[in-house]
Amino acid sequence: MTDAEAIDAILDELILALRKWPNWTEDVVHGAAILGEEAGEVLRAALRLTYEGGSVDDLRREVCQCGAMCLRMLRHLDEMRTKPALYSPEEP
């Protein structure tokens, strides 16, 4: 797979994700959790490929989904909340 093909595959997954979940989380912790979940799915697919007869296509799909979520978080990072939702500057 070339760099251009890899980028196209990630962008295809991004389009699918935007259709299915048009809104992105408003805070960085939940965004990071989404990325962590996707990374865990990459690891699971890699383990299945290595030890259980999984497929390279499944692993490739998970890697593309993880890349798509990275793009989503990067796109929204400057707008995302970096304080807890219940944070109040008056509280100690």
PDB file of N, CA and C in Angstrom:
ATOM      1  N   MET A   1       0.857  -1.181   0.000  1.00  0.00           N
ATOM      2  CA  MET A   1       0.000   0.000   0.000  1.00  0.00           C
ATOM      3  C   MET A   1       0.897   1.235   0.000  1.00  0.00           C
ATOM      4  N   THR A   2       0.619   2.141  -0.893  1.00  0.00           N
ATOM      5  CA  THR A   2       1.380   3.387  -0.954  1.00  0.00           C
ATOM      6  C   THR A   2       0.873   4.360   0.101  1.00  0.00           C
ATOM      7  N   ASP A   3       1.629   5.421   0.331  1.00  0.00           N
ATOM      8  CA  ASP A   3       1.177   6.454   1.271  1.00  0.00           C
ATOM      9  C   ASP A   3      -0.168   7.034   0.830  1.00  0.00           C
ATOM     10  N   ALA A   4      -0.293   7.295  -0.462  1.00  0.00           N
ATOM     11  CA  ALA A   4      -1.544   7.868  -0.974  1.00  0.00           C
ATOM     12  C   ALA A   4      -2.714   6.917  -0.765  1.00  0.00           C
ATOM     13  N   GLU A   5      -2.491   5.616  -0.992  1.00  0.00           N
ATOM     14  CA  GLU A   5      -3.556   4.627  -0.777  1.00  0.00           C
ATOM     15  C   GLU A   5      -3.933   4.539   0.700  1.00  0.00           C
ATOM     16  N   ALA A   6      -2.935   4.615   1.573  1.00  0.00           N
ATOM     17  CA  ALA A   6      -3.205   4.561   3.006  1.00  0.00           C
ATOM     18  C   ALA A   6      -4.017   5.777   3.445  1.00  0.00           C
ATOM     19  N   ILE A   7      -3.636   6.941   2.969  1.00  0.00           N
ATOM     20  CA  ILE A   7      -4.374   8.160   3.312  1.00  0.00           C
ATOM     21  C   ILE A   7      -5.798   8.088   2.777  1.00  0.00           C
ATOM     22  N   ASP A   8      -5.954   7.614   1.555  1.00  0.00           N
ATOM     23  CA  ASP A   8      -7.300   7.454   0.986  1.00  0.00           C
ATOM     24  C   ASP A   8      -8.144   6.495   1.815  1.00  0.00           C
ATOM     25  N   ALA A   9      -7.549   5.404   2.277  1.00  0.00           N
ATOM     26  CA  ALA A   9      -8.289   4.429   3.088  1.00  0.00           C
ATOM     27  C   ALA A   9      -8.722   5.036   4.417  1.00  0.00           C
ATOM     28  N   ILE A  10      -7.852   5.827   5.018  1.00  0.00           N
ATOM     29  CA  ILE A  10      -8.205   6.504   6.275  1.00  0.00           C
ATOM     30  C   ILE A  10      -9.310   7.523   6.030  1.00  0.00           C
ATOM     31  N   LEU A  11      -9.206   8.272   4.949  1.00  0.00           N
ATOM     32  CA  LEU A  11     -10.251   9.261   4.633  1.00  0.00           C
ATOM     33  C   LEU A  11     -11.583   8.583   4.338  1.00  0.00           C
ATOM     34  N   ASP A  12     -11.560   7.427   3.699  1.00  0.00           N
ATOM     35  CA  ASP A  12     -12.804   6.677   3.472  1.00  0.00           C
ATOM     36  C   ASP A  12     -13.443   6.302   4.813  1.00  0.00           C
ATOM     37  N   GLU A  13     -12.624   5.846   5.762  1.00  0.00           N
ATOM     38  CA  GLU A  13     -13.149   5.512   7.096  1.00  0.00           C
ATOM     39  C   GLU A  13     -13.656   6.748   7.807  1.00  0.00           C
ATOM     40  N   LEU A  14     -12.985   7.877   7.610  1.00  0.00           N
ATOM     41  CA  LEU A  14     -13.437   9.125   8.222  1.00  0.00           C
ATOM     42  C   LEU A  14     -14.823   9.504   7.710  1.00  0.00           C
ATOM     43  N   ILE A  15     -15.045   9.370   6.427  1.00  0.00           N
ATOM     44  CA  ILE A  15     -16.357   9.684   5.838  1.00  0.00           C
ATOM     45  C   ILE A  15     -17.432   8.779   6.435  1.00  0.00           C
ATOM     46  N   LEU A  16     -17.133   7.484   6.547  1.00  0.00           N
ATOM     47  CA  LEU A  16     -18.095   6.553   7.152  1.00  0.00           C
ATOM     48  C   LEU A  16     -18.399   6.934   8.601  1.00  0.00           C
ATOM     49  N   ALA A  17     -17.369   7.269   9.347  1.00  0.00           N
ATOM     50  CA  ALA A  17     -17.555   7.635  10.751  1.00  0.00           C
ATOM     51  C   ALA A  17     -18.376   8.916  10.888  1.00  0.00           C
ATOM     52  N   LEU A  18     -18.115   9.889  10.035  1.00  0.00           N
ATOM     53  CA  LEU A  18     -18.862  11.149  10.093  1.00  0.00           C
ATOM     54  C   LEU A  18     -20.342  10.934   9.772  1.00  0.00           C
ATOM     55  N   ARG A  19     -20.626  10.003   8.892  1.00  0.00           N
ATOM     56  CA  ARG A  19     -22.022   9.696   8.580  1.00  0.00           C
ATOM     57  C   ARG A  19     -22.710   9.003   9.751  1.00  0.00           C
ATOM     58  N   LYS A  20     -21.985   8.091  10.387  1.00  0.00           N
ATOM     59  CA  LYS A  20     -22.571   7.318  11.479  1.00  0.00           C
ATOM     60  C   LYS A  20     -22.647   8.117  12.774  1.00  0.00           C
ATOM     61  N   TRP A  21     -21.591   8.880  13.070  1.00  0.00           N
ATOM     62  CA  TRP A  21     -21.523   9.702  14.290  1.00  0.00           C
ATOM     63  C   TRP A  21     -21.100  11.112  13.881  1.00  0.00           C
ATOM     64  N   PRO A  22     -22.050  11.954  13.481  1.00  0.00           N
ATOM     65  CA  PRO A  22     -21.681  13.280  12.968  1.00  0.00           C
ATOM     66  C   PRO A  22     -21.083  14.221  14.020  1.00  0.00           C
ATOM     67  N   ASN A  23     -21.379  13.980  15.284  1.00  0.00           N
ATOM     68  CA  ASN A  23     -20.866  14.865  16.334  1.00  0.00           C
ATOM     69  C   ASN A  23     -19.651  14.245  17.002  1.00  0.00           C
ATOM     70  N   TRP A  24     -18.712  15.089  17.367  1.00  0.00           N
ATOM     71  CA  TRP A  24     -17.516  14.658  18.086  1.00  0.00           C
ATOM     72  C   TRP A  24     -17.640  15.132  19.526  1.00  0.00           C
ATOM     73  N   THR A  25     -16.989  14.439  20.425  1.00  0.00           N
ATOM     74  CA  THR A  25     -17.030  14.799  21.830  1.00  0.00           C
ATOM     75  C   THR A  25     -16.463  16.204  22.055  1.00  0.00           C
ATOM     76  N   GLU A  26     -16.874  16.815  23.151  1.00  0.00           N
ATOM     77  CA  GLU A  26     -16.448  18.180  23.435  1.00  0.00           C
ATOM     78  C   GLU A  26     -15.235  18.258  24.355  1.00  0.00           C
ATOM     79  N   ASP A  27     -14.775  17.137  24.900  1.00  0.00           N
ATOM     80  CA  ASP A  27     -13.632  17.223  25.811  1.00  0.00           C
ATOM     81  C   ASP A  27     -12.532  16.246  25.425  1.00  0.00           C
ATOM     82  N   VAL A  28     -11.319  16.617  25.799  1.00  0.00           N
ATOM     83  CA  VAL A  28     -10.145  15.856  25.379  1.00  0.00           C
ATOM     84  C   VAL A  28     -10.076  14.475  26.018  1.00  0.00           C
ATOM     85  N   VAL A  29     -10.586  14.316  27.221  1.00  0.00           N
ATOM     86  CA  VAL A  29     -10.520  13.010  27.869  1.00  0.00           C
ATOM     87  C   VAL A  29     -11.351  11.987  27.098  1.00  0.00           C
ATOM     88  N   HIS A  30     -12.566  12.356  26.713  1.00  0.00           N
ATOM     89  CA  HIS A  30     -13.396  11.433  25.950  1.00  0.00           C
ATOM     90  C   HIS A  30     -12.829  11.210  24.546  1.00  0.00           C
ATOM     91  N   GLY A  31     -12.248  12.228  23.951  1.00  0.00           N
ATOM     92  CA  GLY A  31     -11.596  12.049  22.658  1.00  0.00           C
ATOM     93  C   GLY A  31     -10.444  11.060  22.755  1.00  0.00           C
ATOM     94  N   ALA A  32      -9.636  11.208  23.792  1.00  0.00           N
ATOM     95  CA  ALA A  32      -8.527  10.273  24.004  1.00  0.00           C
ATOM     96  C   ALA A  32      -9.045   8.863  24.275  1.00  0.00           C
ATOM     97  N   ALA A  33     -10.169   8.757  24.966  1.00  0.00           N
ATOM     98  CA  ALA A  33     -10.757   7.438  25.233  1.00  0.00           C
ATOM     99  C   ALA A  33     -11.196   6.769  23.928  1.00  0.00           C
ATOM    100  N   ILE A  34     -11.749   7.553  23.024  1.00  0.00           N
ATOM    101  CA  ILE A  34     -12.142   7.008  21.722  1.00  0.00           C
ATOM    102  C   ILE A  34     -10.907   6.492  20.988  1.00  0.00           C
ATOM    103  N   LEU A  35      -9.838   7.277  21.011  1.00  0.00           N
ATOM    104  CA  LEU A  35      -8.600   6.829  20.373  1.00  0.00           C
ATOM    105  C   LEU A  35      -8.056   5.572  21.035  1.00  0.00           C
ATOM    106  N   GLY A  36      -8.126   5.532  22.361  1.00  0.00           N
ATOM    107  CA  GLY A  36      -7.665   4.350  23.084  1.00  0.00           C
ATOM    108  C   GLY A  36      -8.464   3.111  22.724  1.00  0.00           C
ATOM    109  N   GLU A  37      -9.766   3.286  22.584  1.00  0.00           N
ATOM    110  CA  GLU A  37     -10.621   2.158  22.184  1.00  0.00           C
ATOM    111  C   GLU A  37     -10.224   1.652  20.799  1.00  0.00           C
ATOM    112  N   GLU A  38     -10.024   2.587  19.890  1.00  0.00           N
ATOM    113  CA  GLU A  38      -9.637   2.185  18.533  1.00  0.00           C
ATOM    114  C   GLU A  38      -8.272   1.504  18.534  1.00  0.00           C
ATOM    115  N   ALA A  39      -7.331   2.020  19.313  1.00  0.00           N
ATOM    116  CA  ALA A  39      -6.012   1.389  19.403  1.00  0.00           C
ATOM    117  C   ALA A  39      -6.133  -0.020  19.978  1.00  0.00           C
ATOM    118  N   GLY A  40      -7.027  -0.196  20.939  1.00  0.00           N
ATOM    119  CA  GLY A  40      -7.256  -1.527  21.492  1.00  0.00           C
ATOM    120  C   GLY A  40      -7.799  -2.484  20.451  1.00  0.00           C
ATOM    121  N   GLU A  41      -8.654  -1.989  19.563  1.00  0.00           N
ATOM    122  CA  GLU A  41      -9.180  -2.830  18.495  1.00  0.00           C
ATOM    123  C   GLU A  41      -8.090  -3.193  17.487  1.00  0.00           C
ATOM    124  N   VAL A  42      -7.135  -2.286  17.278  1.00  0.00           N
ATOM    125  CA  VAL A  42      -5.986  -2.600  16.421  1.00  0.00           C
ATOM    126  C   VAL A  42      -5.183  -3.733  17.060  1.00  0.00           C
ATOM    127  N   LEU A  43      -4.924  -3.622  18.346  1.00  0.00           N
ATOM    128  CA  LEU A  43      -4.168  -4.654  19.042  1.00  0.00           C
ATOM    129  C   LEU A  43      -4.894  -5.995  19.003  1.00  0.00           C
ATOM    130  N   ARG A  44      -6.210  -5.972  19.246  1.00  0.00           N
ATOM    131  CA  ARG A  44      -6.988  -7.212  19.197  1.00  0.00           C
ATOM    132  C   ARG A  44      -6.903  -7.854  17.817  1.00  0.00           C
ATOM    133  N   ALA A  45      -7.023  -7.050  16.769  1.00  0.00           N
ATOM    134  CA  ALA A  45      -6.939  -7.595  15.408  1.00  0.00           C
ATOM    135  C   ALA A  45      -5.540  -8.144  15.128  1.00  0.00           C
ATOM    136  N   ALA A  46      -4.509  -7.486  15.647  1.00  0.00           N
ATOM    137  CA  ALA A  46      -3.139  -7.979  15.461  1.00  0.00           C
ATOM    138  C   ALA A  46      -2.938  -9.309  16.186  1.00  0.00           C
ATOM    139  N   LEU A  47      -3.477  -9.408  17.396  1.00  0.00           N
ATOM    140  CA  LEU A  47      -3.388 -10.665  18.142  1.00  0.00           C
ATOM    141  C   LEU A  47      -4.133 -11.783  17.420  1.00  0.00           C
ATOM    142  N   ARG A  48      -5.311 -11.476  16.912  1.00  0.00           N
ATOM    143  CA  ARG A  48      -6.078 -12.487  16.180  1.00  0.00           C
ATOM    144  C   ARG A  48      -5.346 -12.939  14.924  1.00  0.00           C
ATOM    145  N   LEU A  49      -4.738 -11.978  14.229  1.00  0.00           N
ATOM    146  CA  LEU A  49      -3.977 -12.318  13.033  1.00  0.00           C
ATOM    147  C   LEU A  49      -2.798 -13.224  13.387  1.00  0.00           C
ATOM    148  N   THR A  50      -2.132 -12.905  14.462  1.00  0.00           N
ATOM    149  CA  THR A  50      -0.925 -13.638  14.852  1.00  0.00           C
ATOM    150  C   THR A  50      -1.225 -15.011  15.439  1.00  0.00           C
ATOM    151  N   TYR A  51      -2.268 -15.094  16.275  1.00  0.00           N
ATOM    152  CA  TYR A  51      -2.482 -16.325  17.048  1.00  0.00           C
ATOM    153  C   TYR A  51      -3.761 -17.094  16.723  1.00  0.00           C
ATOM    154  N   GLU A  52      -4.702 -16.478  16.024  1.00  0.00           N
ATOM    155  CA  GLU A  52      -5.999 -17.126  15.854  1.00  0.00           C
ATOM    156  C   GLU A  52      -6.456 -17.220  14.405  1.00  0.00           C
ATOM    157  N   GLY A  53      -5.597 -16.960  13.474  1.00  0.00           N
ATOM    158  CA  GLY A  53      -5.992 -17.057  12.076  1.00  0.00           C
ATOM    159  C   GLY A  53      -6.805 -15.879  11.578  1.00  0.00           C
ATOM    160  N   GLY A  54      -6.676 -14.738  12.237  1.00  0.00           N
ATOM    161  CA  GLY A  54      -7.368 -13.532  11.778  1.00  0.00           C
ATOM    162  C   GLY A  54      -6.819 -13.087  10.428  1.00  0.00           C
ATOM    163  N   SER A  55      -7.410 -12.041   9.901  1.00  0.00           N
ATOM    164  CA  SER A  55      -7.008 -11.610   8.563  1.00  0.00           C
ATOM    165  C   SER A  55      -6.305 -10.255   8.584  1.00  0.00           C
ATOM    166  N   VAL A  56      -5.433 -10.078   7.603  1.00  0.00           N
ATOM    167  CA  VAL A  56      -4.766  -8.802   7.411  1.00  0.00           C
ATOM    168  C   VAL A  56      -5.799  -7.725   7.091  1.00  0.00           C
ATOM    169  N   ASP A  57      -6.851  -8.095   6.358  1.00  0.00           N
ATOM    170  CA  ASP A  57      -7.888  -7.120   6.017  1.00  0.00           C
ATOM    171  C   ASP A  57      -8.575  -6.574   7.261  1.00  0.00           C
ATOM    172  N   ASP A  58      -8.841  -7.440   8.249  1.00  0.00           N
ATOM    173  CA  ASP A  58      -9.437  -6.958   9.499  1.00  0.00           C
ATOM    174  C   ASP A  58      -8.496  -5.998  10.214  1.00  0.00           C
ATOM    175  N   LEU A  59      -7.225  -6.340  10.261  1.00  0.00           N
ATOM    176  CA  LEU A  59      -6.246  -5.464  10.904  1.00  0.00           C
ATOM    177  C   LEU A  59      -6.142  -4.139  10.160  1.00  0.00           C
ATOM    178  N   ARG A  60      -6.091  -4.195   8.857  1.00  0.00           N
ATOM    179  CA  ARG A  60      -6.011  -2.976   8.041  1.00  0.00           C
ATOM    180  C   ARG A  60      -7.221  -2.075   8.298  1.00  0.00           C
ATOM    181  N   ARG A  61      -8.402  -2.666   8.372  1.00  0.00           N
ATOM    182  CA  ARG A  61      -9.622  -1.899   8.616  1.00  0.00           C
ATOM    183  C   ARG A  61      -9.553  -1.202   9.983  1.00  0.00           C
ATOM    184  N   GLU A  62      -9.082  -1.922  10.993  1.00  0.00           N
ATOM    185  CA  GLU A  62      -8.973  -1.333  12.330  1.00  0.00           C
ATOM    186  C   GLU A  62      -7.939  -0.204  12.369  1.00  0.00           C
ATOM    187  N   VAL A  63      -6.831  -0.396  11.676  1.00  0.00           N
ATOM    188  CA  VAL A  63      -5.809   0.657  11.619  1.00  0.00           C
ATOM    189  C   VAL A  63      -6.381   1.901  10.939  1.00  0.00           C
ATOM    190  N   CYS A  64      -7.147   1.707   9.878  1.00  0.00           N
ATOM    191  CA  CYS A  64      -7.768   2.848   9.184  1.00  0.00           C
ATOM    192  C   CYS A  64      -8.779   3.551  10.081  1.00  0.00           C
ATOM    193  N   GLN A  65      -9.553   2.792  10.841  1.00  0.00           N
ATOM    194  CA  GLN A  65     -10.514   3.401  11.757  1.00  0.00           C
ATOM    195  C   GLN A  65      -9.804   4.199  12.838  1.00  0.00           C
ATOM    196  N   CYS A  66      -8.700   3.676  13.335  1.00  0.00           N
ATOM    197  CA  CYS A  66      -7.917   4.392  14.342  1.00  0.00           C
ATOM    198  C   CYS A  66      -7.374   5.699  13.747  1.00  0.00           C
ATOM    199  N   GLY A  67      -6.859   5.616  12.538  1.00  0.00           N
ATOM    200  CA  GLY A  67      -6.369   6.814  11.858  1.00  0.00           C
ATOM    201  C   GLY A  67      -7.463   7.849  11.657  1.00  0.00           C
ATOM    202  N   ALA A  68      -8.654   7.385  11.316  1.00  0.00           N
ATOM    203  CA  ALA A  68      -9.783   8.305  11.123  1.00  0.00           C
ATOM    204  C   ALA A  68     -10.127   9.027  12.421  1.00  0.00           C
ATOM    205  N   MET A  69     -10.094   8.309  13.544  1.00  0.00           N
ATOM    206  CA  MET A  69     -10.395   8.952  14.832  1.00  0.00           C
ATOM    207  C   MET A  69      -9.284   9.915  15.232  1.00  0.00           C
ATOM    208  N   CYS A  70      -8.051   9.609  14.867  1.00  0.00           N
ATOM    209  CA  CYS A  70      -6.961  10.559  15.096  1.00  0.00           C
ATOM    210  C   CYS A  70      -7.230  11.856  14.335  1.00  0.00           C
ATOM    211  N   LEU A  71      -7.653  11.729  13.097  1.00  0.00           N
ATOM    212  CA  LEU A  71      -7.976  12.919  12.308  1.00  0.00           C
ATOM    213  C   LEU A  71      -9.122  13.708  12.926  1.00  0.00           C
ATOM    214  N   ARG A  72     -10.150  12.998  13.381  1.00  0.00           N
ATOM    215  CA  ARG A  72     -11.288  13.700  13.997  1.00  0.00           C
ATOM    216  C   ARG A  72     -10.841  14.482  15.224  1.00  0.00           C
ATOM    217  N   MET A  73     -10.036  13.852  16.063  1.00  0.00           N
ATOM    218  CA  MET A  73      -9.600  14.552  17.262  1.00  0.00           C
ATOM    219  C   MET A  73      -8.720  15.749  16.902  1.00  0.00           C
ATOM    220  N   LEU A  74      -7.821  15.569  15.961  1.00  0.00           N
ATOM    221  CA  LEU A  74      -6.977  16.687  15.541  1.00  0.00           C
ATOM    222  C   LEU A  74      -7.803  17.846  14.994  1.00  0.00           C
ATOM    223  N   ARG A  75      -8.838  17.525  14.232  1.00  0.00           N
ATOM    224  CA  ARG A  75      -9.698  18.567  13.653  1.00  0.00           C
ATOM    225  C   ARG A  75     -10.394  19.397  14.723  1.00  0.00           C
ATOM    226  N   HIS A  76     -10.729  18.785  15.848  1.00  0.00           N
ATOM    227  CA  HIS A  76     -11.520  19.445  16.876  1.00  0.00           C
ATOM    228  C   HIS A  76     -10.722  19.849  18.108  1.00  0.00           C
ATOM    229  N   LEU A  77      -9.445  19.543  18.132  1.00  0.00           N
ATOM    230  CA  LEU A  77      -8.651  19.705  19.345  1.00  0.00           C
ATOM    231  C   LEU A  77      -8.684  21.124  19.901  1.00  0.00           C
ATOM    232  N   ASP A  78      -8.593  22.123  19.054  1.00  0.00           N
ATOM    233  CA  ASP A  78      -8.575  23.503  19.549  1.00  0.00           C
ATOM    234  C   ASP A  78      -9.904  23.934  20.157  1.00  0.00           C
ATOM    235  N   GLU A  79     -10.994  23.242  19.833  1.00  0.00           N
ATOM    236  CA  GLU A  79     -12.322  23.581  20.362  1.00  0.00           C
ATOM    237  C   GLU A  79     -12.677  22.766  21.592  1.00  0.00           C
ATOM    238  N   MET A  80     -11.896  21.746  21.877  1.00  0.00           N
ATOM    239  CA  MET A  80     -12.279  20.793  22.920  1.00  0.00           C
ATOM    240  C   MET A  80     -11.951  21.328  24.312  1.00  0.00           C
ATOM    241  N   ARG A  81     -12.788  20.923  25.255  1.00  0.00           N
ATOM    242  CA  ARG A  81     -12.642  21.309  26.652  1.00  0.00           C
ATOM    243  C   ARG A  81     -11.439  20.600  27.249  1.00  0.00           C
ATOM    244  N   THR A  82     -10.661  21.349  28.034  1.00  0.00           N
ATOM    245  CA  THR A  82      -9.499  20.765  28.698  1.00  0.00           C
ATOM    246  C   THR A  82      -9.642  20.777  30.212  1.00  0.00           C
ATOM    247  N   LYS A  83     -10.795  21.172  30.692  1.00  0.00           N
ATOM    248  CA  LYS A  83     -11.107  21.146  32.127  1.00  0.00           C
ATOM    249  C   LYS A  83     -12.310  20.234  32.318  1.00  0.00           C
ATOM    250  N   PRO A  84     -12.441  19.617  33.489  1.00  0.00           N
ATOM    251  CA  PRO A  84     -13.626  18.798  33.726  1.00  0.00           C
ATOM    252  C   PRO A  84     -14.907  19.594  33.535  1.00  0.00           C
ATOM    253  N   ALA A  85     -15.952  18.932  33.087  1.00  0.00           N
ATOM    254  CA  ALA A  85     -17.221  19.607  32.817  1.00  0.00           C
ATOM    255  C   ALA A  85     -17.767  20.317  34.053  1.00  0.00           C
ATOM    256  N   LEU A  86     -17.483  19.789  35.232  1.00  0.00           N
ATOM    257  CA  LEU A  86     -17.985  20.385  36.471  1.00  0.00           C
ATOM    258  C   LEU A  86     -17.005  21.375  37.064  1.00  0.00           C
ATOM    259  N   TYR A  87     -15.946  21.676  36.354  1.00  0.00           N
ATOM    260  CA  TYR A  87     -14.913  22.580  36.837  1.00  0.00           C
ATOM    261  C   TYR A  87     -15.468  23.981  37.023  1.00  0.00           C
ATOM    262  N   SER A  88     -15.121  24.582  38.136  1.00  0.00           N
ATOM    263  CA  SER A  88     -15.498  25.966  38.391  1.00  0.00           C
ATOM    264  C   SER A  88     -14.271  26.708  38.914  1.00  0.00           C
ATOM    265  N   PRO A  89     -13.907  27.838  38.296  1.00  0.00           N
ATOM    266  CA  PRO A  89     -12.711  28.541  38.728  1.00  0.00           C
ATOM    267  C   PRO A  89     -12.775  28.989  40.195  1.00  0.00           C
ATOM    268  N   GLU A  90     -13.975  29.101  40.756  1.00  0.00           N
ATOM    269  CA  GLU A  90     -14.127  29.523  42.152  1.00  0.00           C
ATOM    270  C   GLU A  90     -13.797  28.404  43.140  1.00  0.00           C
ATOM    271  N   GLU A  91     -13.854  27.164  42.658  1.00  0.00           N
ATOM    272  CA  GLU A  91     -13.588  26.038  43.567  1.00  0.00           C
ATOM    273  C   GLU A  91     -12.088  25.935  43.807  1.00  0.00           C
ATOM    274  N   PRO A  92     -11.706  25.497  45.024  1.00  0.00           N
ATOM    275  CA  PRO A  92     -10.273  25.373  45.323  1.00  0.00           C
ATOM    276  C   PRO A  92      -9.609  24.291  44.512  1.00  0.00           C
TER     277      PRO A  92
END
